[in-house]
């Protein structure tokens, strides 16, 4: 991993993001033998970002509204129908 864990902890505290979230983003930059040119790094990071915000929405007291607020219209509609 290219970033020092203490630097990540400091960054997490400074900006108010969870340390685990920043750590997962940093780990997505780690060299991957199956992707030596690193062309999949952005896709891995975007998956982590999506996962983070989806989890925040689903943990909200009103997950349907939270999903809609983040633009996840189809997911909000599916969840609303399932309730």
Protein backbone atom coordinates (compact mmCIF):
# COMPACT_ATOMS: atom_id res chain seq x y z
CA UNK A 1 0.00 0.00 0.00
CA UNK A 2 1.43 3.34 -1.03
CA UNK A 3 0.08 5.31 1.91
CA UNK A 4 1.19 5.10 5.51
CA UNK A 5 -1.57 3.92 7.88
CA UNK A 6 -0.94 6.80 10.27
CA UNK A 7 -1.33 9.28 7.41
CA UNK A 8 -4.64 7.61 6.52
CA UNK A 9 -5.83 7.83 10.14
CA UNK A 10 -4.91 11.52 10.24
CA UNK A 11 -6.73 12.11 6.95
CA UNK A 12 -9.81 10.24 8.19
CA UNK A 13 -9.90 12.33 11.37
CA UNK A 14 -9.31 15.56 9.45
CA UNK A 15 -12.09 15.09 6.89
CA UNK A 16 -14.53 13.04 8.97
CA UNK A 17 -14.53 9.92 6.80
CA UNK A 18 -14.26 6.43 8.27
CA UNK A 19 -10.69 5.13 8.39
CA UNK A 20 -11.77 1.77 6.93
CA UNK A 21 -13.24 3.52 3.91
CA UNK A 22 -10.02 5.41 3.17
CA UNK A 23 -7.99 2.27 3.79
CA UNK A 24 -10.07 0.31 1.28
CA UNK A 25 -9.61 3.09 -1.31
CA UNK A 26 -5.86 3.05 -0.74
CA UNK A 27 -5.72 -0.76 -1.00
CA UNK A 28 -7.49 -0.55 -4.35
CA UNK A 29 -4.36 1.21 -5.65
CA UNK A 30 -2.12 -1.71 -4.66
CA UNK A 31 -0.44 -3.49 -7.56
CA UNK A 32 -2.47 -6.42 -8.85
CA UNK A 33 -0.63 -9.22 -10.69
CA UNK A 34 -3.75 -9.81 -12.78
CA UNK A 35 -3.80 -6.13 -13.79
CA UNK A 36 -0.13 -5.12 -14.12
CA UNK A 37 -0.93 -1.83 -15.90
CA UNK A 38 -3.44 -0.79 -13.23
CA UNK A 39 -6.28 -0.25 -15.67
CA UNK A 40 -8.81 -1.64 -13.17
CA UNK A 41 -7.83 0.64 -10.28
CA UNK A 42 -10.50 3.25 -10.94
CA UNK A 43 -13.19 0.57 -11.26
CA UNK A 44 -12.13 -0.93 -7.92
CA UNK A 45 -12.21 2.49 -6.26
CA UNK A 46 -15.62 3.35 -7.73
CA UNK A 47 -16.97 0.04 -6.44
CA UNK A 48 -15.76 0.97 -2.95
CA UNK A 49 -17.36 4.43 -3.20
CA UNK A 50 -20.64 2.90 -4.40
CA UNK A 51 -20.58 0.34 -1.59
CA UNK A 52 -19.92 3.07 1.00
CA UNK A 53 -22.83 5.26 -0.09
CA UNK A 54 -25.21 2.35 -0.61
CA UNK A 55 -24.47 1.15 2.95
CA UNK A 56 -25.08 4.68 4.29
CA UNK A 57 -28.44 4.78 2.52
CA UNK A 58 -29.55 1.37 3.73
CA UNK A 59 -28.55 2.18 7.32
CA UNK A 60 -30.59 5.40 7.27
CA UNK A 61 -33.85 5.53 9.23
CA UNK A 62 -35.64 6.07 5.89
CA UNK A 63 -33.56 4.12 3.38
CA UNK A 64 -35.94 4.69 0.46
CA UNK A 65 -35.66 8.47 0.75
CA UNK A 66 -31.90 8.25 1.32
CA UNK A 67 -31.49 6.15 -1.83
CA UNK A 68 -33.51 8.68 -3.81
CA UNK A 69 -31.47 11.56 -2.38
CA UNK A 70 -28.29 9.93 -3.72
CA UNK A 71 -29.88 9.28 -7.09
CA UNK A 72 -30.37 5.53 -6.69
CA UNK A 73 -33.92 5.72 -8.07
CA UNK A 74 -34.22 2.11 -9.24
CA UNK A 75 -32.90 0.75 -5.95
CA UNK A 76 -35.27 3.03 -4.00
CA UNK A 77 -38.23 1.84 -6.05
CA UNK A 78 -37.31 -1.82 -5.60
CA UNK A 79 -36.90 -1.37 -1.84
CA UNK A 80 -40.19 0.54 -1.58
CA UNK A 81 -42.01 -2.30 -3.35
CA UNK A 82 -40.39 -4.91 -1.12
CA UNK A 83 -41.59 -3.22 2.06
